[in-house]
């Protein structure tokens, strides 16, 4: 009999695994090495929080992409 996945059966996973991050945070540092805020990148959008603030301001990924295409300048990476 051929072996295969039986309906409703879950694939057995190792006991310990890594889970990918749901977002990435980056601190923004000015020329005096002082933190001015944070940027959080998520699959759904980009958020900004200034230093000392508890509130995040965000835009969708589509709005961010449109803003960058209209206002951004070409940079070397």
C-alpha atoms as a PDB file:
ATOM      1  CA  UNK A   1       0.000   0.000   0.000  1.00  0.00           C
ATOM      2  CA  UNK A   2       1.354   3.432  -0.909  1.00  0.00           C
ATOM      3  CA  UNK A   3       2.167   5.717   1.960  1.00  0.00           C
ATOM      4  CA  UNK A   4       0.665   9.183   1.918  1.00  0.00           C
ATOM      5  CA  UNK A   5      -0.924  11.748   4.102  1.00  0.00           C
ATOM      6  CA  UNK A   6      -4.213  10.630   5.570  1.00  0.00           C
ATOM      7  CA  UNK A   7      -6.930  13.273   5.591  1.00  0.00           C
ATOM      8  CA  UNK A   8      -6.874  15.124   8.913  1.00  0.00           C
ATOM      9  CA  UNK A   9      -3.385  13.872   9.824  1.00  0.00           C
ATOM     10  CA  UNK A  10      -0.827  16.538  10.629  1.00  0.00           C
ATOM     11  CA  UNK A  11       2.784  16.370   9.609  1.00  0.00           C
ATOM     12  CA  UNK A  12       4.944  15.630  12.639  1.00  0.00           C
ATOM     13  CA  UNK A  13       7.287  18.527  13.389  1.00  0.00           C
ATOM     14  CA  UNK A  14      10.431  18.630  15.460  1.00  0.00           C
ATOM     15  CA  UNK A  15      10.092  19.555  19.076  1.00  0.00           C
ATOM     16  CA  UNK A  16      11.851  22.920  18.645  1.00  0.00           C
ATOM     17  CA  UNK A  17      11.514  25.200  15.635  1.00  0.00           C
ATOM     18  CA  UNK A  18      12.219  28.758  14.535  1.00  0.00           C
ATOM     19  CA  UNK A  19       9.291  31.001  13.709  1.00  0.00           C
ATOM     20  CA  UNK A  20       9.857  33.886  11.299  1.00  0.00           C
ATOM     21  CA  UNK A  21       9.348  37.395  12.638  1.00  0.00           C
ATOM     22  CA  UNK A  22       6.003  39.048  11.935  1.00  0.00           C
ATOM     23  CA  UNK A  23       7.666  42.457  11.689  1.00  0.00           C
ATOM     24  CA  UNK A  24      11.075  44.120  11.818  1.00  0.00           C
ATOM     25  CA  UNK A  25      11.891  47.198  13.913  1.00  0.00           C
ATOM     26  CA  UNK A  26      14.673  49.644  13.089  1.00  0.00           C
ATOM     27  CA  UNK A  27      15.844  52.546  15.251  1.00  0.00           C
ATOM     28  CA  UNK A  28      16.471  55.801  13.409  1.00  0.00           C
ATOM     29  CA  UNK A  29      19.583  57.588  14.676  1.00  0.00           C
ATOM     30  CA  UNK A  30      20.468  61.211  13.835  1.00  0.00           C
ATOM     31  CA  UNK A  31      23.931  62.630  13.124  1.00  0.00           C
ATOM     32  CA  UNK A  32      24.518  63.081  16.883  1.00  0.00           C
ATOM     33  CA  UNK A  33      23.851  59.352  17.486  1.00  0.00           C
ATOM     34  CA  UNK A  34      20.568  60.115  19.250  1.00  0.00           C
ATOM     35  CA  UNK A  35      17.497  57.982  18.648  1.00  0.00           C
ATOM     36  CA  UNK A  36      14.788  60.004  16.895  1.00  0.00           C
ATOM     37  CA  UNK A  37      12.280  57.220  16.310  1.00  0.00           C
ATOM     38  CA  UNK A  38      11.560  53.730  15.053  1.00  0.00           C
ATOM     39  CA  UNK A  39      10.309  52.277  11.806  1.00  0.00           C
ATOM     40  CA  UNK A  40       8.408  48.976  11.852  1.00  0.00           C
ATOM     41  CA  UNK A  41       8.175  47.061   8.586  1.00  0.00           C
ATOM     42  CA  UNK A  42       5.332  44.563   8.264  1.00  0.00           C
ATOM     43  CA  UNK A  43       4.021  42.625   5.280  1.00  0.00           C
ATOM     44  CA  UNK A  44       0.911  44.825   5.385  1.00  0.00           C
ATOM     45  CA  UNK A  45       2.581  48.222   5.735  1.00  0.00           C
ATOM     46  CA  UNK A  46       5.122  50.554   7.307  1.00  0.00           C
ATOM     47  CA  UNK A  47       4.766  52.232  10.709  1.00  0.00           C
ATOM     48  CA  UNK A  48       6.611  55.155  12.353  1.00  0.00           C
ATOM     49  CA  UNK A  49       6.932  56.052  16.038  1.00  0.00           C
ATOM     50  CA  UNK A  50       8.909  59.035  17.300  1.00  0.00           C
ATOM     51  CA  UNK A  51      11.130  58.695  20.360  1.00  0.00           C
ATOM     52  CA  UNK A  52       9.089  58.692  23.552  1.00  0.00           C
ATOM     53  CA  UNK A  53       5.782  58.125  21.772  1.00  0.00           C
ATOM     54  CA  UNK A  54       3.554  55.149  22.485  1.00  0.00           C
ATOM     55  CA  UNK A  55       1.581  55.582  19.279  1.00  0.00           C
ATOM     56  CA  UNK A  56       2.529  54.230  15.876  1.00  0.00           C
ATOM     57  CA  UNK A  57       1.564  56.068  12.681  1.00  0.00           C
ATOM     58  CA  UNK A  58       1.183  53.778   9.701  1.00  0.00           C
ATOM     59  CA  UNK A  59       0.403  53.467   6.028  1.00  0.00           C
ATOM     60  CA  UNK A  60      -0.411  50.470   3.872  1.00  0.00           C
ATOM     61  CA  UNK A  61       2.311  48.985   1.745  1.00  0.00           C
ATOM     62  CA  UNK A  62       0.536  50.259  -1.372  1.00  0.00           C
ATOM     63  CA  UNK A  63       0.404  53.858  -0.051  1.00  0.00           C
ATOM     64  CA  UNK A  64       4.053  53.673   0.995  1.00  0.00           C
ATOM     65  CA  UNK A  65       5.091  52.371  -2.444  1.00  0.00           C
ATOM     66  CA  UNK A  66       3.124  55.143  -4.192  1.00  0.00           C
ATOM     67  CA  UNK A  67       4.652  57.795  -1.912  1.00  0.00           C
ATOM     68  CA  UNK A  68       8.186  56.519  -2.575  1.00  0.00           C
ATOM     69  CA  UNK A  69       7.658  56.381  -6.342  1.00  0.00           C
ATOM     70  CA  UNK A  70       6.329  59.950  -6.379  1.00  0.00           C
ATOM     71  CA  UNK A  71       8.686  61.500  -3.796  1.00  0.00           C
ATOM     72  CA  UNK A  72      11.733  59.258  -3.512  1.00  0.00           C
ATOM     73  CA  UNK A  73      15.077  59.817  -5.181  1.00  0.00           C
ATOM     74  CA  UNK A  74      17.209  57.079  -6.696  1.00  0.00           C
ATOM     75  CA  UNK A  75      19.920  55.858  -4.293  1.00  0.00           C
ATOM     76  CA  UNK A  76      22.678  53.283  -4.461  1.00  0.00           C
ATOM     77  CA  UNK A  77      22.124  50.458  -2.006  1.00  0.00           C
END
